[in-house]
Protein backbone atom coordinates (compact mmCIF):
# COMPACT_ATOMS: atom_id res chain seq x y z
CA MET A 1 152.08 26.01 -18.52
CA SER A 2 153.58 28.33 -15.86
CA LEU A 3 151.99 31.65 -14.94
CA LYS A 4 154.58 33.78 -16.70
CA ASP A 5 153.86 31.96 -19.98
CA LEU A 6 150.05 32.56 -19.89
CA PRO A 7 148.35 35.23 -22.01
CA ILE A 8 148.07 38.61 -20.19
CA LYS A 9 144.28 38.23 -20.03
CA ARG A 10 144.42 34.87 -18.26
CA LYS A 11 147.44 36.11 -16.21
CA LEU A 12 145.44 39.06 -14.92
CA MET A 13 142.49 36.83 -14.06
CA ALA A 14 144.70 34.22 -12.42
CA ILE A 15 146.39 36.85 -10.34
CA THR A 16 143.05 38.31 -9.30
CA LEU A 17 141.60 34.94 -8.42
CA ILE A 18 144.62 33.75 -6.51
CA THR A 19 144.82 37.01 -4.63
CA SER A 20 141.13 36.82 -3.66
CA GLY A 21 141.47 33.14 -2.64
CA VAL A 22 144.50 33.82 -0.55
CA VAL A 23 142.79 36.71 1.15
CA LEU A 24 139.68 34.59 1.84
CA LEU A 25 141.74 31.61 3.04
CA LEU A 26 143.66 33.87 5.44
CA THR A 27 140.40 35.43 6.61
CA CYS A 28 138.73 32.02 7.18
CA SER A 29 141.92 30.70 8.86
CA ALA A 30 141.95 33.60 11.25
CA PHE A 31 138.23 33.19 11.98
CA PHE A 32 138.53 29.46 12.61
CA ALA A 33 141.43 30.02 14.90
CA TYR A 34 139.70 32.67 16.83
CA GLU A 35 136.57 30.43 17.08
CA PHE A 36 138.55 27.46 18.12
CA PHE A 37 140.21 29.22 21.08
CA THR A 38 137.01 31.15 22.17
CA PHE A 39 134.90 28.05 21.83
CA ARG A 40 137.17 26.03 23.91
CA GLN A 41 137.09 28.57 26.68
CA THR A 42 133.25 28.66 26.37
CA THR A 43 132.97 24.93 26.65
CA ALA A 44 135.36 24.88 29.64
CA ARG A 45 133.15 27.55 31.39
CA HIS A 46 129.94 25.52 30.61
CA LEU A 47 131.43 22.35 31.86
CA SER A 48 132.63 24.11 34.96
CA THR A 49 129.14 25.57 35.56
CA LEU A 50 127.42 22.24 35.11
CA GLY A 51 129.98 20.57 37.40
CA GLY A 52 129.29 23.18 40.07
CA VAL A 53 125.54 22.38 39.94
CA ILE A 54 126.12 18.61 40.07
CA ALA A 55 128.63 18.97 42.97
CA GLN A 56 126.22 21.15 44.93
CA ASN A 57 123.43 18.52 44.45
CA SER A 58 125.76 15.64 45.45
CA THR A 59 126.66 16.85 48.98
CA ALA A 60 123.80 15.02 50.66
CA ALA A 61 124.49 11.76 48.91
CA LEU A 62 128.15 11.88 49.85
CA ALA A 63 127.36 13.02 53.46
CA PHE A 64 124.97 10.12 54.06
CA GLU A 65 126.90 7.74 51.77
CA ASN A 66 123.77 7.08 49.63
CA ARG A 67 125.05 5.56 46.52
CA ASP A 68 121.70 5.35 44.89
CA ASP A 69 121.03 9.14 45.27
CA ALA A 70 124.48 9.76 43.89
CA ARG A 71 123.82 7.62 40.83
CA ASP A 72 120.56 9.41 40.24
CA ILE A 73 122.12 12.70 40.43
CA LEU A 74 124.84 11.61 37.91
CA ASP A 75 122.09 10.00 35.57
CA SER A 76 120.60 13.54 35.14
CA LEU A 77 123.64 14.16 32.82
CA LYS A 78 121.88 12.19 30.16
CA VAL A 79 120.36 15.44 28.89
CA GLU A 80 123.92 16.64 28.00
CA PRO A 81 124.80 14.56 24.94
CA HIS A 82 128.43 15.66 24.94
CA ILE A 83 129.08 14.35 28.52
CA VAL A 84 130.90 11.03 27.98
CA SER A 85 131.26 10.02 31.66
CA ALA A 86 131.08 11.27 35.20
CA ALA A 87 132.07 10.00 38.68
CA LEU A 88 131.95 10.96 42.37
CA TYR A 89 134.79 10.26 44.74
CA ASP A 90 134.54 10.25 48.52
CA LYS A 91 136.74 12.25 50.61
CA ASN A 92 139.25 9.36 50.67
CA GLY A 93 139.49 9.39 46.86
CA ARG A 94 137.65 6.22 46.31
CA LEU A 95 135.20 5.85 43.41
CA PHE A 96 131.68 6.44 45.05
CA ALA A 97 129.33 6.53 42.01
CA GLN A 98 129.73 6.55 38.13
CA TYR A 99 127.97 7.51 35.01
CA PRO A 100 127.10 5.62 32.95
CA ALA A 101 126.73 2.71 35.39
CA HIS A 102 127.78 -0.05 32.79
CA LEU A 103 131.21 1.34 32.27
CA PRO A 104 134.03 -0.60 33.87
CA ALA A 105 135.83 0.97 36.81
CA HIS A 106 139.22 1.23 34.91
CA SER A 107 137.47 3.70 32.53
CA PHE A 108 137.59 6.23 35.29
CA PRO A 109 140.74 7.83 36.98
CA ALA A 110 141.96 5.68 39.90
CA ALA A 111 141.98 8.75 42.05
CA PRO A 112 140.85 12.24 41.52
CA ALA A 113 143.34 14.69 40.07
CA ASN A 114 143.88 18.24 41.10
CA ASP A 115 140.89 20.61 40.84
CA GLY A 116 140.30 22.31 37.51
CA PHE A 117 139.79 21.35 33.98
CA ARG A 118 142.18 20.16 31.38
CA PHE A 119 142.15 19.00 27.70
CA GLU A 120 143.22 15.51 27.11
CA ALA A 121 143.47 14.28 23.52
CA ALA A 122 139.88 14.58 22.12
CA TYR A 123 138.25 15.12 25.65
CA LEU A 124 137.80 17.86 28.14
CA ALA A 125 138.10 16.68 31.79
CA ASP A 126 137.00 18.64 34.88
CA PHE A 127 137.65 17.94 38.62
CA GLN A 128 135.55 19.97 40.98
CA PRO A 129 135.37 19.62 44.86
CA VAL A 130 132.11 18.65 46.64
CA VAL A 131 131.96 20.96 49.68
CA GLN A 132 129.48 21.29 52.49
CA GLY A 133 129.11 24.43 54.44
CA GLY A 134 131.65 26.15 52.50
CA ASN A 135 134.78 24.53 53.99
CA LYS A 136 134.08 20.84 54.51
CA ARG A 137 135.08 18.77 51.56
CA LEU A 138 133.06 15.68 51.10
CA GLY A 139 134.61 14.41 47.91
CA THR A 140 135.32 15.23 44.29
CA LEU A 141 133.21 15.35 41.12
CA TYR A 142 134.77 14.23 37.84
CA LEU A 143 133.14 15.24 34.38
CA LYS A 144 134.49 14.06 31.04
CA ALA A 145 133.09 15.75 27.76
CA ASP A 146 133.96 15.20 24.15
CA ARG A 147 134.55 17.94 21.54
CA GLY A 148 131.60 17.19 19.39
CA ALA A 149 130.14 20.55 19.99
CA ILE A 150 133.36 22.22 18.56
CA TYR A 151 133.35 19.92 15.53
CA GLU A 152 129.73 20.52 14.86
CA ARG A 153 130.30 24.21 14.95
CA PHE A 154 133.36 23.95 12.69
CA ARG A 155 131.47 21.82 10.21
CA LEU A 156 128.83 24.70 10.07
CA TYR A 157 131.48 27.21 9.75
CA ALA A 158 133.28 25.23 6.99
CA THR A 159 130.06 24.96 5.02
CA ILE A 160 129.49 28.82 5.35
CA ALA A 161 133.14 29.48 4.51
CA ALA A 162 133.05 27.21 1.40
CA ALA A 163 129.92 28.97 0.19
CA VAL A 164 131.59 32.36 0.71
CA VAL A 165 134.62 31.30 -1.15
CA VAL A 166 132.65 29.92 -4.04
CA VAL A 167 130.57 33.05 -4.31
CA SER A 168 133.59 35.31 -3.81
CA ALA A 169 135.48 33.34 -6.57
CA LEU A 170 132.63 33.73 -8.94
CA VAL A 171 132.29 37.41 -8.23
CA ALA A 172 136.08 37.92 -8.51
CA TYR A 173 136.08 35.96 -11.85
CA PHE A 174 133.31 38.10 -13.31
CA LEU A 175 134.88 41.28 -12.04
CA SER A 176 138.32 40.48 -13.31
CA GLN A 177 136.78 39.38 -16.64
CA THR A 178 135.41 42.85 -16.96
CA LEU A 179 138.06 45.00 -15.34
CA GLN A 180 141.26 43.30 -16.71
CA LYS A 181 140.32 44.71 -20.13
CA GLN A 182 141.33 48.15 -18.80
CA ILE A 183 144.91 46.74 -18.52
CA SER A 184 145.16 44.02 -20.93
CA GLN A 185 143.48 45.73 -23.94
CA PRO A 186 146.11 48.46 -24.22
CA ILE A 187 148.91 46.03 -23.68
CA LEU A 188 147.40 43.53 -26.16
CA SER A 189 146.95 46.50 -28.67
CA LEU A 190 150.59 47.38 -28.21
CA ALA A 191 151.62 43.86 -28.62
CA GLU A 192 149.69 43.42 -31.79
CA THR A 193 151.23 46.59 -33.19
CA ALA A 194 154.70 45.42 -32.31
CA LYS A 195 153.98 42.00 -33.85
CA ALA A 196 152.70 43.65 -37.05
CA ILE A 197 155.72 45.80 -37.27
CA SER A 198 158.11 42.96 -36.80
CA GLN A 199 156.39 40.95 -39.43
CA ARG A 200 155.83 43.62 -42.00
CA ARG A 201 158.85 45.85 -41.24
CA ASP A 202 156.33 48.75 -41.56
CA TYR A 203 157.69 51.48 -39.09
CA SER A 204 154.86 53.91 -40.15
CA VAL A 205 152.37 52.00 -37.94
CA ARG A 206 151.53 53.66 -34.60
CA ALA A 207 149.92 52.18 -31.50
CA ALA A 208 146.58 53.71 -30.33
CA LYS A 209 146.83 55.42 -27.00
CA GLN A 210 143.96 54.41 -24.63
CA GLY A 211 144.70 56.30 -21.46
CA ARG A 212 146.99 58.50 -19.60
CA ASP A 213 148.43 55.93 -17.18
CA GLU A 214 151.70 54.14 -17.38
CA VAL A 215 150.62 52.10 -20.24
CA GLY A 216 149.69 55.39 -22.07
CA LEU A 217 153.15 56.62 -21.37
CA LEU A 218 154.60 53.35 -22.64
CA THR A 219 152.48 53.86 -25.85
CA ASP A 220 153.84 57.34 -26.28
CA ALA A 221 157.36 56.17 -25.86
CA PHE A 222 156.79 53.23 -28.20
CA ASN A 223 155.36 55.60 -30.79
CA GLN A 224 158.34 57.92 -30.43
CA MET A 225 160.76 54.98 -30.72
CA LEU A 226 158.91 53.98 -33.98
CA THR A 227 159.36 57.53 -35.23
CA GLN A 228 163.01 57.46 -34.57
CA ILE A 229 163.38 54.03 -36.04
CA GLN A 230 161.48 55.14 -39.15
CA GLU A 231 163.71 58.15 -39.52
CA GLN A 232 166.85 56.11 -39.03
CA ASN A 233 165.57 53.30 -41.32
CA GLN A 234 164.80 55.89 -44.07
CA ALA A 235 168.32 57.52 -43.48
CA LEU A 236 169.90 54.06 -43.47
CA GLY A 237 167.97 53.23 -46.68
CA GLN A 238 169.18 56.35 -48.38
CA SER A 239 172.69 55.79 -47.17
CA GLU A 240 172.60 52.12 -48.52
CA GLU A 241 171.21 53.40 -51.77
CA ARG A 242 173.95 55.96 -52.04
CA PHE A 243 176.50 53.45 -51.12
CA ARG A 244 175.05 50.98 -53.62
CA LEU A 245 175.13 53.54 -56.39
CA MET A 246 178.67 54.60 -55.40
CA MET A 247 179.85 50.99 -55.46
CA ALA A 248 178.15 50.44 -58.78
CA THR A 249 179.41 53.62 -60.47
CA VAL A 250 183.00 54.22 -59.06
CA LYS A 251 185.33 52.91 -61.54
CA ASP A 252 188.59 54.03 -60.19
CA TYR A 253 188.43 52.10 -56.92
CA ALA A 254 187.97 48.39 -56.35
CA PHE A 255 185.60 47.97 -53.33
CA VAL A 256 185.67 44.33 -52.15
CA MET A 257 184.00 42.72 -49.18
CA LEU A 258 185.58 39.64 -47.56
CA ASP A 259 184.32 37.14 -45.10
CA PRO A 260 186.29 36.39 -41.96
CA ALA A 261 188.27 33.77 -43.88
CA GLY A 262 189.33 36.33 -46.52
CA CYS A 263 186.98 35.11 -49.34
CA VAL A 264 185.22 37.49 -51.59
CA VAL A 265 181.56 38.15 -50.73
CA SER A 266 180.83 41.35 -52.84
CA TRP A 267 182.47 43.07 -55.82
CA ASN A 268 181.79 46.43 -57.50
CA ALA A 269 182.28 47.57 -60.96
CA GLY A 270 185.58 49.28 -60.17
CA ALA A 271 186.91 45.92 -58.84
CA GLU A 272 185.88 44.22 -62.16
CA ARG A 273 187.68 46.85 -64.20
CA ILE A 274 190.82 46.90 -62.14
CA HIS A 275 191.13 43.16 -61.47
CA GLY A 276 189.47 41.85 -64.58
CA TYR A 277 187.20 39.32 -63.00
CA ARG A 278 183.40 39.16 -63.36
CA THR A 279 181.36 38.94 -60.16
CA ASP A 280 180.36 35.33 -60.78
CA GLU A 281 183.96 34.40 -61.33
CA ILE A 282 185.39 35.90 -58.11
CA LEU A 283 182.71 35.32 -55.45
CA GLY A 284 183.94 32.86 -52.94
CA GLN A 285 187.61 33.00 -54.09
CA HIS A 286 190.34 33.95 -51.57
CA PHE A 287 191.88 37.40 -52.02
CA SER A 288 195.31 35.88 -52.33
CA ARG A 289 194.46 35.42 -56.00
CA PHE A 290 195.27 39.11 -56.56
CA HIS A 291 198.75 38.76 -55.06
CA GLY A 292 200.36 36.77 -57.86
CA GLY A 293 200.42 33.25 -56.65
CA ASP A 294 203.93 31.99 -56.58
CA GLU A 295 205.38 35.50 -56.36
CA VAL A 296 203.96 35.94 -52.84
CA ALA A 297 205.91 34.59 -49.82
CA PRO A 298 204.11 31.58 -48.13
CA GLY A 299 201.66 32.74 -45.41
CA GLU A 300 201.87 36.36 -46.51
CA CYS A 301 198.06 36.75 -47.02
CA GLU A 302 197.44 35.05 -43.64
CA ARG A 303 199.86 37.52 -42.04
CA ILE A 304 197.96 40.38 -43.66
CA LEU A 305 194.74 39.18 -42.25
CA ALA A 306 196.28 38.63 -38.86
CA VAL A 307 197.75 42.18 -38.71
CA THR A 308 194.35 43.67 -39.86
CA ILE A 309 192.59 41.69 -37.14
CA ALA A 310 195.07 42.80 -34.44
CA GLU A 311 195.38 46.54 -35.56
CA GLY A 312 192.04 47.02 -37.26
CA ARG A 313 193.64 48.33 -40.38
CA PHE A 314 196.39 47.30 -42.92
CA GLU A 315 197.70 49.44 -45.82
CA GLU A 316 200.41 48.65 -48.36
CA GLU A 317 201.63 49.40 -51.81
CA GLY A 318 202.77 46.62 -54.15
CA TRP A 319 202.22 44.78 -57.30
CA ARG A 320 199.05 42.91 -58.08
CA VAL A 321 197.95 40.60 -60.90
CA ARG A 322 194.98 40.93 -63.10
CA LYS A 323 192.99 37.96 -64.53
CA ASP A 324 194.95 38.30 -67.88
CA GLY A 325 198.29 38.09 -65.94
CA THR A 326 199.27 41.75 -66.31
CA ARG A 327 200.60 43.45 -63.26
CA PHE A 328 199.68 46.90 -61.80
CA TRP A 329 201.02 48.85 -58.85
CA ALA A 330 198.19 49.04 -56.29
CA ASP A 331 197.48 51.03 -53.13
CA THR A 332 195.45 48.67 -50.85
CA VAL A 333 193.67 49.35 -47.59
CA LEU A 334 192.23 46.35 -45.68
CA THR A 335 189.91 47.19 -42.68
CA ALA A 336 188.46 44.80 -40.11
CA LEU A 337 184.62 44.98 -39.79
CA ARG A 338 183.31 44.17 -36.27
CA ASP A 339 179.78 44.37 -34.75
CA GLU A 340 178.89 46.08 -31.53
CA SER A 341 180.00 43.08 -29.46
CA GLY A 342 183.39 43.19 -31.08
CA GLN A 343 182.78 39.96 -33.12
CA LEU A 344 184.71 39.94 -36.37
CA ARG A 345 182.28 39.96 -39.31
CA GLY A 346 184.70 40.21 -42.20
CA PHE A 347 186.92 42.71 -44.08
CA SER A 348 186.56 45.73 -46.44
CA LYS A 349 189.16 45.94 -49.05
CA VAL A 350 189.77 49.10 -51.20
CA THR A 351 192.29 48.97 -54.00
CA ARG A 352 193.41 51.87 -56.32
CA ASP A 353 195.56 51.35 -59.41
CA ILE A 354 198.44 53.88 -59.03
CA THR A 355 200.70 52.50 -61.76
CA GLU A 356 200.93 55.91 -63.45
CA ARG A 357 201.79 57.61 -60.20
CA LYS A 358 204.47 54.87 -59.41
CA SER A 359 205.94 55.52 -62.89
CA ALA A 360 205.98 59.23 -62.26
CA GLN A 361 207.65 58.66 -58.91
CA ASP A 362 210.28 56.46 -60.44
CA GLU A 363 210.81 59.24 -63.14
CA ILE A 364 211.12 61.84 -60.43
CA GLN A 365 213.54 59.73 -58.51
CA LYS A 366 215.69 59.38 -61.68
CA LEU A 367 215.45 63.18 -62.21
CA ASN A 368 216.39 63.80 -58.62
CA GLN A 369 219.33 61.52 -58.97
CA ASP A 370 220.36 63.36 -62.14
CA LEU A 371 219.79 66.63 -60.39
CA GLU A 372 221.96 65.51 -57.53
CA ARG A 373 224.67 64.58 -60.04
CA ARG A 374 224.46 68.01 -61.57
CA VAL A 375 224.44 69.85 -58.26
CA HIS A 376 227.52 67.94 -57.26
CA GLU A 377 229.21 68.87 -60.59
CA ARG A 378 228.04 72.49 -60.13
CA THR A 379 229.29 72.52 -56.58
CA ALA A 380 232.69 71.37 -57.73
CA GLN A 381 232.65 74.12 -60.33
CA LEU A 382 231.73 76.70 -57.72
CA GLU A 383 234.49 75.47 -55.52
CA GLU A 384 236.92 75.73 -58.44
CA ALA A 385 235.50 79.25 -59.12
CA ASN A 386 235.96 80.20 -55.47
CA LYS A 387 239.51 79.09 -55.55
CA GLU A 388 240.12 81.16 -58.77
CA LEU A 389 238.32 84.12 -56.97
CA GLU A 390 240.52 83.74 -53.98
CA ALA A 391 243.56 83.68 -56.14
CA PHE A 392 242.25 86.71 -57.97
CA SER A 393 241.83 88.43 -54.57
CA TYR A 394 245.37 87.75 -53.72
CA SER A 395 246.36 89.09 -57.20
CA VAL A 396 244.31 92.21 -56.70
CA SER A 397 245.86 92.64 -53.18
CA HIS A 398 249.46 92.35 -54.30
CA ASP A 399 249.62 93.06 -58.05
CA LEU A 400 247.28 96.02 -58.09
CA ARG A 401 248.46 97.64 -54.92
CA ALA A 402 252.09 97.88 -56.16
CA PRO A 403 251.38 100.10 -59.20
CA LEU A 404 249.17 102.28 -56.92
CA ARG A 405 251.90 102.67 -54.50
CA HIS A 406 254.31 103.62 -57.37
CA VAL A 407 251.78 106.13 -58.71
CA GLN A 408 251.32 107.55 -55.23
CA GLY A 409 255.06 107.78 -54.67
CA TYR A 410 255.82 109.47 -57.96
CA VAL A 411 253.00 111.96 -57.39
CA GLU A 412 254.46 112.83 -53.94
CA LEU A 413 258.00 113.10 -55.38
CA LEU A 414 256.80 115.31 -58.24
CA ALA A 415 255.05 117.58 -55.81
CA LYS A 416 258.19 117.73 -53.65
CA HIS A 417 260.67 118.41 -56.46
CA ALA A 418 258.59 120.74 -58.51
CA GLY A 419 257.79 122.76 -55.51
CA ASP A 420 256.70 126.30 -56.21
CA THR A 421 257.48 125.98 -59.85
CA LEU A 422 254.07 124.48 -60.41
CA ASN A 423 251.19 126.77 -60.89
CA GLU A 424 247.85 126.30 -59.12
CA LYS A 425 246.32 124.26 -61.91
CA CYS A 426 249.21 121.71 -61.88
CA ARG A 427 249.07 121.35 -58.09
CA ARG A 428 245.27 120.69 -58.37
CA TYR A 429 246.01 118.00 -60.92
CA LEU A 430 248.48 116.41 -58.48
CA ARG A 431 245.87 116.52 -55.63
CA VAL A 432 243.28 114.96 -57.77
CA ALA A 433 245.72 112.09 -58.80
CA SER A 434 246.70 111.57 -55.18
CA GLU A 435 243.01 111.51 -54.04
CA SER A 436 242.19 109.06 -56.87
CA VAL A 437 244.94 106.71 -55.83
CA THR A 438 243.61 106.77 -52.26
CA GLN A 439 240.12 106.15 -53.49
CA MET A 440 241.31 103.29 -55.60
CA GLY A 441 243.03 101.79 -52.60
CA ASP A 442 239.92 102.02 -50.51
CA LEU A 443 238.01 100.57 -53.41
CA ILE A 444 240.33 97.57 -53.51
CA ASP A 445 240.15 97.08 -49.79
CA ASN A 446 236.41 97.13 -49.75
CA LEU A 447 236.31 94.75 -52.76
CA LEU A 448 238.58 92.25 -51.02
CA ALA A 449 236.48 92.52 -47.85
CA PHE A 450 233.33 91.91 -49.88
CA CYS A 451 234.94 88.75 -51.35
CA ARG A 452 236.26 87.52 -47.96
CA MET A 453 232.79 88.03 -46.50
CA GLY A 454 231.37 85.05 -48.50
CA ARG A 455 233.98 82.73 -47.07
CA VAL A 456 234.14 83.80 -43.41
CA GLU A 457 232.61 81.30 -41.08
CA VAL A 458 229.57 82.61 -39.10
CA ARG A 459 230.27 81.89 -35.40
CA GLN A 460 226.89 81.91 -33.60
CA SER A 461 226.61 83.13 -30.07
CA SER A 462 224.38 85.31 -27.93
CA VAL A 463 225.15 89.03 -28.76
CA ASP A 464 224.21 92.03 -26.58
CA LEU A 465 223.00 94.30 -29.42
CA GLN A 466 222.53 97.23 -27.07
CA LYS A 467 226.22 97.08 -26.00
CA LEU A 468 227.40 96.54 -29.63
CA VAL A 469 225.55 99.57 -30.95
CA GLN A 470 226.86 101.82 -28.18
CA GLU A 471 230.49 100.60 -28.86
CA THR A 472 230.05 101.17 -32.52
CA ALA A 473 228.72 104.75 -32.03
CA ASP A 474 231.55 105.53 -29.68
CA GLY A 475 234.06 104.35 -32.31
CA LEU A 476 232.61 106.85 -34.76
CA GLN A 477 233.31 109.87 -32.58
CA PRO A 478 236.45 110.86 -34.50
CA GLU A 479 234.49 111.12 -37.73
CA THR A 480 231.91 113.61 -36.25
CA GLY A 481 234.44 116.47 -36.39
CA GLY A 482 232.82 118.38 -33.57
CA ARG A 483 229.44 118.12 -35.19
CA LYS A 484 226.25 118.25 -33.06
CA ILE A 485 224.65 114.78 -33.31
CA LEU A 486 221.78 113.69 -31.19
CA TRP A 487 222.04 109.92 -30.56
CA LYS A 488 219.03 108.05 -29.37
CA HIS A 489 219.39 104.41 -28.79
CA GLY A 490 216.26 102.55 -27.74
CA PRO A 491 216.34 99.27 -25.73
CA LEU A 492 217.73 96.42 -27.83
CA PRO A 493 217.49 92.69 -27.03
CA GLN A 494 220.02 89.84 -27.03
CA VAL A 495 220.28 88.38 -30.55
CA GLN A 496 221.80 85.25 -32.02
CA GLY A 497 224.73 85.87 -34.37
CA ASP A 498 228.42 86.49 -35.02
CA PRO A 499 229.48 89.64 -32.96
CA ALA A 500 232.33 90.65 -35.37
CA LEU A 501 230.13 90.41 -38.50
CA LEU A 502 227.16 92.15 -36.81
CA LYS A 503 229.53 94.96 -35.77
CA GLN A 504 230.52 95.26 -39.49
CA VAL A 505 226.85 95.82 -40.23
CA LEU A 506 226.39 98.36 -37.58
CA VAL A 507 229.61 100.25 -38.53
CA ASN A 508 228.30 100.54 -42.23
CA LEU A 509 224.77 101.72 -41.30
CA LEU A 510 225.86 104.16 -38.52
CA SER A 511 228.73 105.57 -40.46
CA ASN A 512 226.30 106.10 -43.31
CA ALA A 513 223.88 107.87 -41.01
CA VAL A 514 226.78 110.09 -39.75
CA LYS A 515 227.84 110.87 -43.39
CA TYR A 516 224.47 111.56 -44.89
CA THR A 517 223.44 113.88 -41.97
CA ARG A 518 226.43 116.13 -42.53
CA GLY A 519 224.26 119.01 -43.64
CA ARG A 520 221.87 118.78 -40.59
CA ASP A 521 222.32 120.86 -37.49
CA PRO A 522 221.60 119.14 -35.19
CA ALA A 523 221.85 115.64 -36.75
CA GLN A 524 219.56 113.01 -35.33
CA ILE A 525 220.45 109.24 -35.46
CA GLN A 526 218.16 106.73 -33.82
CA THR A 527 218.28 102.94 -33.26
CA GLY A 528 215.65 100.60 -31.74
CA VAL A 529 213.23 97.75 -32.23
CA ALA A 530 210.49 98.05 -34.82
CA SER A 531 208.65 94.79 -34.09
CA GLU A 532 209.02 91.26 -32.78
CA VAL A 533 207.13 88.30 -34.09
CA ASN A 534 207.72 84.57 -33.28
CA GLY A 535 211.23 85.23 -31.97
CA GLU A 536 212.35 87.35 -34.92
CA VAL A 537 213.18 91.00 -34.12
CA VAL A 538 213.29 93.86 -36.65
CA ILE A 539 216.05 96.45 -35.86
CA PHE A 540 216.11 99.92 -37.33
CA VAL A 541 218.66 102.64 -37.86
CA ARG A 542 217.01 106.08 -38.65
CA ASP A 543 218.50 109.41 -39.55
CA ASN A 544 217.23 112.81 -40.68
CA GLY A 545 219.90 113.17 -43.51
CA ALA A 546 219.77 113.51 -47.18
CA GLY A 547 217.66 110.40 -47.83
CA PHE A 548 217.12 109.14 -51.45
CA ASP A 549 214.54 108.56 -54.01
CA MET A 550 212.71 105.27 -53.47
CA LYS A 551 212.55 104.53 -57.29
CA TYR A 552 216.24 103.67 -56.97
CA VAL A 553 215.86 101.47 -53.86
CA ASP A 554 216.65 98.25 -55.91
CA LYS A 555 220.16 99.60 -56.52
CA LEU A 556 220.88 100.40 -52.85
CA PHE A 557 222.44 97.21 -51.87
CA GLY A 558 224.40 96.32 -55.00
CA VAL A 559 228.21 96.44 -55.26
CA PHE A 560 229.52 99.76 -56.53
CA GLN A 561 226.01 101.14 -56.62
CA ARG A 562 225.73 104.79 -55.43
CA LEU A 563 222.65 107.07 -55.18
CA HIS A 564 224.53 110.30 -54.62
CA ARG A 565 227.45 111.91 -56.47
CA ALA A 566 230.96 111.42 -55.22
CA GLU A 567 231.36 115.30 -54.97
CA GLU A 568 228.59 115.30 -52.39
CA PHE A 569 229.32 112.12 -50.39
CA GLU A 570 232.45 110.03 -50.46
CA GLY A 571 232.21 106.26 -50.60
CA THR A 572 232.84 103.13 -52.71
CA GLY A 573 229.32 101.61 -52.86
CA VAL A 574 230.36 98.37 -51.18
CA GLY A 575 229.45 98.83 -47.61
CA LEU A 576 225.69 98.22 -47.91
CA ALA A 577 226.41 95.15 -50.15
CA ASN A 578 228.57 93.85 -47.39
CA ALA A 579 225.81 94.51 -44.82
CA ARG A 580 223.20 92.59 -46.80
CA ARG A 581 225.63 89.70 -47.19
CA VAL A 582 226.06 89.47 -43.49
CA ILE A 583 222.42 89.70 -42.64
CA ASN A 584 221.66 87.08 -45.33
CA ARG A 585 224.15 84.75 -43.76
CA HIS A 586 222.35 85.17 -40.43
CA GLY A 587 219.06 84.11 -41.98
CA GLY A 588 217.66 87.60 -41.97
CA ARG A 589 216.45 90.36 -44.36
CA ILE A 590 217.51 93.98 -44.80
CA TRP A 591 215.68 96.81 -46.51
CA ALA A 592 215.30 100.57 -46.44
CA GLU A 593 212.76 103.34 -46.60
CA ALA A 594 213.54 106.94 -47.37
CA ALA A 595 212.57 110.25 -49.06
CA VAL A 596 214.66 112.89 -50.61
CA ASN A 597 215.95 115.41 -48.02
CA ALA A 598 213.75 113.59 -45.35
CA GLY A 599 216.14 111.09 -44.00
CA ALA A 600 216.36 107.29 -44.35
CA THR A 601 215.47 104.28 -42.24
CA PHE A 602 217.34 100.98 -42.60
CA TYR A 603 215.74 97.78 -41.28
CA PHE A 604 217.21 94.28 -40.69
CA THR A 605 215.97 91.14 -38.95
CA LEU A 606 217.82 88.86 -36.58
CA THR A 607 216.81 85.91 -34.42
CA LYS A 608 216.28 86.81 -30.69
CA SER A 609 218.57 84.85 -28.43
CA GLN A 610 216.84 82.55 -25.85
CA LYS A 611 218.87 84.21 -23.14
CA GLY A 612 217.41 87.53 -24.13
């Protein structure tokens, strides 16, 4: 078993023991290395000192060439157990004496090497000069020692080190056995809690906190995570319960869960009511069973699944088949279900029976077709009526004007021929007749203008309303008759409309203002913008004239409707009707506000031109 698979208690002990062992091993290795190098130097110094003493004692033997004395001196090395061999060489480099005496000559160097010591394999060799009087060299001393002293010392050190390692390992074991609980116990407690939770799914369990270290922080975080999971689990349980109750109680929708192949895996009461299958009859069946078998194009259900997988959702309306073979018009939504990694887990299928709505839509479509037919017929009738109205307009224009001209002519002839023979009363009768003929002609003209207004094409363009108002006011100067009128024209915008038709509106409104301020000195007539909202401007024309009673405002824009007597103010009652028709054809509105003897204000709306 590898270290990572060990229980945490054994893992902590193993780590402690391994760490202690490695530290001891490195310490002992460093100690041995240090002892090895220092002891080598100590051995070399000892051998050098011993060689110096032997060389000093050998000067007489070499000087007098006394081999026996030389051998005796070398034999004194017997007290040094680690001296393997020794030799004296004369000044010519020939072997003069050796130790031990029984060694063959080839065991010694044939000639002395350079002075000094050197390590050779398992031995230490030292060459020292034998000098007399400080400067006369008599020969060379050769000493050869083994490394037994080093090995003996290392064996002692090894024994001590082994004892230290064993004792340290035992101490480390018992200490780790005791101290590892401070780390392992909280972790093991946390692990036991996690294991219990995973086995019992009980998220109300909490781990006991045993300190404020990192494990304590981990325990707090673990407990907080458990609290969140518990809350989420409760919320999920409640949501699942609500979903289960909804699935079980909803009767108007068929909720069906499909596997990735399109086979039914769950089925609610609504699906049983709509499709007619019991749960045990439909589970595991492919959803193509609801599409009517032979009536469905080959591969259509596979296409639906492919589209749902690619786009995530598929919705359609069409005929579906119940278990008993009856058909119903269904609204179906198919949704792909994927996990967090994007893996397809299945489909949800929601079906609603909308047969009644389909029937209602079909009925509405039939009614719309019938309505279109009736509108077409009514349009044809209106076109015919318009043609008749146009013919009537021409008839009025020609057939009524001729008698009026005759009446006017005979009235003038009568006034001319009768002359002064007529009294004042007869002359007044003739004036009234002449004025009535003139008024009738104006009435016919206004009526024809009103009829033509409905047929005139509106030619839209950008209109400078400020300029148009000024031109209209200037054109009314002949009607003012030297009256004092204070005109006040506020800034007006560019509007969208037909210049000729809009001028007709301004002529009607401004001429009315001039007429109904006849009794004011000075008269005040004002134009301007009342408001502007979303590109629609409200224009006003205000005067300080006679005004009118607001309870009759509904009659104001009617044809031939007048709110003042003809003796007070002349007119035919068609001008404001014409103005309303023009404004309506421009997509606007017109209205008025007034009070008796306090003036009147007329408002109308137009669309502001983009150039304005």
